Amino acid sequence: MILKKISYSGRILIFRMQTIVNSFNKLLPVGKKVKKYLPFFIGFKLLTFTGFLTYIMNR
């Protein structure tokens, strides 16, 4: 098993990361369809925010 090769502090870090991921999955139960379109939504939000900042800066 991979965990045998990892030090004790590395195991703790992996455990903490896994608990964080599990807690997010419990808070945000999202279907597979929504997860598929999530990167496009984030990109769209970043693009519109950048456009808004450009508009404000050039006023």
PDB file of N, CA and C in Angstrom:
ATOM      1  N   MET A   1       0.846  -1.190   0.000  1.00  0.00           N
ATOM      2  CA  MET A   1       0.000   0.000   0.000  1.00  0.00           C
ATOM      3  C   MET A   1       0.885   1.244   0.000  1.00  0.00           C
ATOM      4  N   ILE A   2       0.386   2.309  -0.587  1.00  0.00           N
ATOM      5  CA  ILE A   2       1.166   3.533  -0.729  1.00  0.00           C
ATOM      6  C   ILE A   2       1.408   4.180   0.628  1.00  0.00           C
ATOM      7  N   LEU A   3       0.451   4.073   1.545  1.00  0.00           N
ATOM      8  CA  LEU A   3       0.585   4.738   2.837  1.00  0.00           C
ATOM      9  C   LEU A   3       1.750   4.215   3.657  1.00  0.00           C
ATOM     10  N   LYS A   4       2.220   3.010   3.393  1.00  0.00           N
ATOM     11  CA  LYS A   4       3.362   2.490   4.139  1.00  0.00           C
ATOM     12  C   LYS A   4       4.633   3.253   3.817  1.00  0.00           C
ATOM     13  N   LYS A   5       4.739   3.807   2.601  1.00  0.00           N
ATOM     14  CA  LYS A   5       5.932   4.530   2.185  1.00  0.00           C
ATOM     15  C   LYS A   5       5.920   5.989   2.615  1.00  0.00           C
ATOM     16  N   ILE A   6       4.766   6.509   2.994  1.00  0.00           N
ATOM     17  CA  ILE A   6       4.629   7.919   3.365  1.00  0.00           C
ATOM     18  C   ILE A   6       4.894   8.076   4.857  1.00  0.00           C
ATOM     19  N   SER A   7       5.555   9.187   5.218  1.00  0.00           N
ATOM     20  CA  SER A   7       5.849   9.445   6.631  1.00  0.00           C
ATOM     21  C   SER A   7       4.561   9.743   7.404  1.00  0.00           C
ATOM     22  N   TYR A   8       4.702   9.826   8.704  1.00  0.00           N
ATOM     23  CA  TYR A   8       3.541  10.053   9.576  1.00  0.00           C
ATOM     24  C   TYR A   8       2.892  11.403   9.279  1.00  0.00           C
ATOM     25  N   SER A   9       3.699  12.471   9.111  1.00  0.00           N
ATOM     26  CA  SER A   9       3.140  13.796   8.837  1.00  0.00           C
ATOM     27  C   SER A   9       2.444  13.824   7.479  1.00  0.00           C
ATOM     28  N   GLY A  10       2.970  13.057   6.517  1.00  0.00           N
ATOM     29  CA  GLY A  10       2.316  12.976   5.219  1.00  0.00           C
ATOM     30  C   GLY A  10       0.969  12.300   5.313  1.00  0.00           C
ATOM     31  N   ARG A  11       0.874  11.265   6.151  1.00  0.00           N
ATOM     32  CA  ARG A  11      -0.413  10.591   6.340  1.00  0.00           C
ATOM     33  C   ARG A  11      -1.439  11.519   6.960  1.00  0.00           C
ATOM     34  N   ILE A  12      -0.986  12.330   7.928  1.00  0.00           N
ATOM     35  CA  ILE A  12      -1.902  13.278   8.573  1.00  0.00           C
ATOM     36  C   ILE A  12      -2.394  14.294   7.551  1.00  0.00           C
ATOM     37  N   LEU A  13      -1.483  14.768   6.689  1.00  0.00           N
ATOM     38  CA  LEU A  13      -1.869  15.746   5.672  1.00  0.00           C
ATOM     39  C   LEU A  13      -2.883  15.149   4.698  1.00  0.00           C
ATOM     40  N   ILE A  14      -2.641  13.924   4.258  1.00  0.00           N
ATOM     41  CA  ILE A  14      -3.576  13.264   3.349  1.00  0.00           C
ATOM     42  C   ILE A  14      -4.932  13.066   4.019  1.00  0.00           C
ATOM     43  N   PHE A  15      -4.917  12.688   5.291  1.00  0.00           N
ATOM     44  CA  PHE A  15      -6.169  12.492   6.016  1.00  0.00           C
ATOM     45  C   PHE A  15      -6.945  13.797   6.133  1.00  0.00           C
ATOM     46  N   ARG A  16      -6.235  14.881   6.430  1.00  0.00           N
ATOM     47  CA  ARG A  16      -6.910  16.182   6.548  1.00  0.00           C
ATOM     48  C   ARG A  16      -7.478  16.636   5.215  1.00  0.00           C
ATOM     49  N   MET A  17      -6.722  16.439   4.145  1.00  0.00           N
ATOM     50  CA  MET A  17      -7.215  16.819   2.827  1.00  0.00           C
ATOM     51  C   MET A  17      -8.447  16.001   2.455  1.00  0.00           C
ATOM     52  N   GLN A  18      -8.424  14.719   2.792  1.00  0.00           N
ATOM     53  CA  GLN A  18      -9.570  13.870   2.471  1.00  0.00           C
ATOM     54  C   GLN A  18     -10.802  14.283   3.269  1.00  0.00           C
ATOM     55  N   THR A  19     -10.616  14.664   4.534  1.00  0.00           N
ATOM     56  CA  THR A  19     -11.763  15.108   5.327  1.00  0.00           C
ATOM     57  C   THR A  19     -12.337  16.412   4.786  1.00  0.00           C
ATOM     58  N   ILE A  20     -11.467  17.303   4.294  1.00  0.00           N
ATOM     59  CA  ILE A  20     -11.947  18.561   3.716  1.00  0.00           C
ATOM     60  C   ILE A  20     -12.764  18.278   2.455  1.00  0.00           C
ATOM     61  N   VAL A  21     -12.258  17.395   1.609  1.00  0.00           N
ATOM     62  CA  VAL A  21     -12.983  17.050   0.379  1.00  0.00           C
ATOM     63  C   VAL A  21     -14.319  16.403   0.713  1.00  0.00           C
ATOM     64  N   ASN A  22     -14.327  15.514   1.694  1.00  0.00           N
ATOM     65  CA  ASN A  22     -15.580  14.855   2.077  1.00  0.00           C
ATOM     66  C   ASN A  22     -16.586  15.855   2.633  1.00  0.00           C
ATOM     67  N   SER A  23     -16.103  16.828   3.417  1.00  0.00           N
ATOM     68  CA  SER A  23     -17.031  17.812   3.982  1.00  0.00           C
ATOM     69  C   SER A  23     -17.618  18.691   2.885  1.00  0.00           C
ATOM     70  N   PHE A  24     -16.801  19.055   1.875  1.00  0.00           N
ATOM     71  CA  PHE A  24     -17.334  19.835   0.762  1.00  0.00           C
ATOM     72  C   PHE A  24     -18.361  19.033  -0.021  1.00  0.00           C
ATOM     73  N   ASN A  25     -18.107  17.741  -0.184  1.00  0.00           N
ATOM     74  CA  ASN A  25     -19.063  16.911  -0.901  1.00  0.00           C
ATOM     75  C   ASN A  25     -20.383  16.802  -0.149  1.00  0.00           C
ATOM     76  N   LYS A  26     -20.322  16.823   1.169  1.00  0.00           N
ATOM     77  CA  LYS A  26     -21.559  16.781   1.950  1.00  0.00           C
ATOM     78  C   LYS A  26     -22.295  18.112   1.887  1.00  0.00           C
ATOM     79  N   LEU A  27     -21.539  19.225   1.870  1.00  0.00           N
ATOM     80  CA  LEU A  27     -22.172  20.540   1.832  1.00  0.00           C
ATOM     81  C   LEU A  27     -22.767  20.842   0.462  1.00  0.00           C
ATOM     82  N   LEU A  28     -22.093  20.406  -0.584  1.00  0.00           N
ATOM     83  CA  LEU A  28     -22.528  20.719  -1.934  1.00  0.00           C
ATOM     84  C   LEU A  28     -22.834  19.445  -2.709  1.00  0.00           C
ATOM     85  N   PRO A  29     -23.986  18.863  -2.470  1.00  0.00           N
ATOM     86  CA  PRO A  29     -24.313  17.665  -3.238  1.00  0.00           C
ATOM     87  C   PRO A  29     -24.691  18.045  -4.669  1.00  0.00           C
ATOM     88  N   VAL A  30     -23.750  17.868  -5.560  1.00  0.00           N
ATOM     89  CA  VAL A  30     -23.924  18.306  -6.943  1.00  0.00           C
ATOM     90  C   VAL A  30     -23.946  17.083  -7.844  1.00  0.00           C
ATOM     91  N   GLY A  31     -24.855  17.088  -8.782  1.00  0.00           N
ATOM     92  CA  GLY A  31     -24.949  15.981  -9.719  1.00  0.00           C
ATOM     93  C   GLY A  31     -23.836  15.991 -10.750  1.00  0.00           C
ATOM     94  N   LYS A  32     -23.748  14.903 -11.501  1.00  0.00           N
ATOM     95  CA  LYS A  32     -22.681  14.779 -12.496  1.00  0.00           C
ATOM     96  C   LYS A  32     -22.840  15.796 -13.622  1.00  0.00           C
ATOM     97  N   LYS A  33     -24.075  16.121 -13.968  1.00  0.00           N
ATOM     98  CA  LYS A  33     -24.299  17.084 -15.041  1.00  0.00           C
ATOM     99  C   LYS A  33     -23.801  18.468 -14.643  1.00  0.00           C
ATOM    100  N   VAL A  34     -24.067  18.847 -13.414  1.00  0.00           N
ATOM    101  CA  VAL A  34     -23.644  20.167 -12.948  1.00  0.00           C
ATOM    102  C   VAL A  34     -22.132  20.211 -12.830  1.00  0.00           C
ATOM    103  N   LYS A  35     -21.516  19.138 -12.354  1.00  0.00           N
ATOM    104  CA  LYS A  35     -20.059  19.102 -12.243  1.00  0.00           C
ATOM    105  C   LYS A  35     -19.407  19.218 -13.610  1.00  0.00           C
ATOM    106  N   LYS A  36     -20.085  18.723 -14.636  1.00  0.00           N
ATOM    107  CA  LYS A  36     -19.541  18.785 -15.981  1.00  0.00           C
ATOM    108  C   LYS A  36     -19.477  20.221 -16.488  1.00  0.00           C
ATOM    109  N   TYR A  37     -20.458  21.034 -16.130  1.00  0.00           N
ATOM    110  CA  TYR A  37     -20.518  22.411 -16.612  1.00  0.00           C
ATOM    111  C   TYR A  37     -19.909  23.422 -15.640  1.00  0.00           C
ATOM    112  N   LEU A  38     -19.455  22.988 -14.501  1.00  0.00           N
ATOM    113  CA  LEU A  38     -18.909  23.915 -13.497  1.00  0.00           C
ATOM    114  C   LEU A  38     -17.692  24.690 -14.006  1.00  0.00           C
ATOM    115  N   PRO A  39     -16.709  24.090 -14.690  1.00  0.00           N
ATOM    116  CA  PRO A  39     -15.575  24.888 -15.187  1.00  0.00           C
ATOM    117  C   PRO A  39     -15.993  25.980 -16.166  1.00  0.00           C
ATOM    118  N   PHE A  40     -17.006  25.706 -17.002  1.00  0.00           N
ATOM    119  CA  PHE A  40     -17.487  26.727 -17.926  1.00  0.00           C
ATOM    120  C   PHE A  40     -18.151  27.872 -17.175  1.00  0.00           C
ATOM    121  N   PHE A  41     -18.882  27.548 -16.124  1.00  0.00           N
ATOM    122  CA  PHE A  41     -19.518  28.581 -15.313  1.00  0.00           C
ATOM    123  C   PHE A  41     -18.472  29.460 -14.636  1.00  0.00           C
ATOM    124  N   ILE A  42     -17.430  28.843 -14.087  1.00  0.00           N
ATOM    125  CA  ILE A  42     -16.369  29.604 -13.425  1.00  0.00           C
ATOM    126  C   ILE A  42     -15.655  30.492 -14.442  1.00  0.00           C
ATOM    127  N   GLY A  43     -15.379  29.941 -15.619  1.00  0.00           N
ATOM    128  CA  GLY A  43     -14.735  30.738 -16.668  1.00  0.00           C
ATOM    129  C   GLY A  43     -15.586  31.910 -17.092  1.00  0.00           C
ATOM    130  N   PHE A  44     -16.884  31.685 -17.224  1.00  0.00           N
ATOM    131  CA  PHE A  44     -17.799  32.767 -17.598  1.00  0.00           C
ATOM    132  C   PHE A  44     -17.811  33.859 -16.534  1.00  0.00           C
ATOM    133  N   LYS A  45     -17.834  33.454 -15.276  1.00  0.00           N
ATOM    134  CA  LYS A  45     -17.838  34.444 -14.195  1.00  0.00           C
ATOM    135  C   LYS A  45     -16.546  35.261 -14.187  1.00  0.00           C
ATOM    136  N   LEU A  46     -15.412  34.597 -14.402  1.00  0.00           N
ATOM    137  CA  LEU A  46     -14.142  35.318 -14.450  1.00  0.00           C
ATOM    138  C   LEU A  46     -14.095  36.286 -15.629  1.00  0.00           C
ATOM    139  N   LEU A  47     -14.606  35.845 -16.763  1.00  0.00           N
ATOM    140  CA  LEU A  47     -14.609  36.694 -17.947  1.00  0.00           C
ATOM    141  C   LEU A  47     -15.490  37.921 -17.752  1.00  0.00           C
ATOM    142  N   THR A  48     -16.670  37.736 -17.198  1.00  0.00           N
ATOM    143  CA  THR A  48     -17.560  38.884 -16.985  1.00  0.00           C
ATOM    144  C   THR A  48     -17.002  39.816 -15.915  1.00  0.00           C
ATOM    145  N   PHE A  49     -16.370  39.263 -14.888  1.00  0.00           N
ATOM    146  CA  PHE A  49     -15.780  40.114 -13.850  1.00  0.00           C
ATOM    147  C   PHE A  49     -14.632  40.927 -14.419  1.00  0.00           C
ATOM    148  N   THR A  50     -13.822  40.311 -15.284  1.00  0.00           N
ATOM    149  CA  THR A  50     -12.721  41.037 -15.919  1.00  0.00           C
ATOM    150  C   THR A  50     -13.264  42.144 -16.809  1.00  0.00           C
ATOM    151  N   GLY A  51     -14.324  41.850 -17.531  1.00  0.00           N
ATOM    152  CA  GLY A  51     -14.944  42.875 -18.359  1.00  0.00           C
ATOM    153  C   GLY A  51     -15.491  44.023 -17.523  1.00  0.00           C
ATOM    154  N   PHE A  52     -16.097  43.692 -16.401  1.00  0.00           N
ATOM    155  CA  PHE A  52     -16.622  44.736 -15.514  1.00  0.00           C
ATOM    156  C   PHE A  52     -15.495  45.595 -14.961  1.00  0.00           C
ATOM    157  N   LEU A  53     -14.399  44.976 -14.554  1.00  0.00           N
ATOM    158  CA  LEU A  53     -13.258  45.754 -14.039  1.00  0.00           C
ATOM    159  C   LEU A  53     -12.678  46.652 -15.115  1.00  0.00           C
ATOM    160  N   THR A  54     -12.582  46.150 -16.348  1.00  0.00           N
ATOM    161  CA  THR A  54     -12.082  46.967 -17.453  1.00  0.00           C
ATOM    162  C   THR A  54     -12.991  48.157 -17.705  1.00  0.00           C
ATOM    163  N   TYR A  55     -14.282  47.930 -17.635  1.00  0.00           N
ATOM    164  CA  TYR A  55     -15.243  49.027 -17.819  1.00  0.00           C
ATOM    165  C   TYR A  55     -15.099  50.086 -16.725  1.00  0.00           C
ATOM    166  N   ILE A  56     -14.984  49.644 -15.499  1.00  0.00           N
ATOM    167  CA  ILE A  56     -14.864  50.586 -14.390  1.00  0.00           C
ATOM    168  C   ILE A  56     -13.562  51.372 -14.467  1.00  0.00           C
ATOM    169  N   MET A  57     -12.462  50.700 -14.827  1.00  0.00           N
ATOM    170  CA  MET A  57     -11.169  51.370 -14.881  1.00  0.00           C
ATOM    171  C   MET A  57     -11.105  52.375 -16.021  1.00  0.00           C
ATOM    172  N   ASN A  58     -11.835  52.172 -17.098  1.00  0.00           N
ATOM    173  CA  ASN A  58     -11.779  53.066 -18.252  1.00  0.00           C
ATOM    174  C   ASN A  58     -12.847  54.144 -18.225  1.00  0.00           C
ATOM    175  N   ARG A  59     -13.609  54.242 -17.172  1.00  0.00           N
ATOM    176  CA  ARG A  59     -14.644  55.284 -17.093  1.00  0.00           C
ATOM    177  C   ARG A  59     -14.060  56.630 -16.930  1.00  0.00           C
TER     178      ARG A  59
END
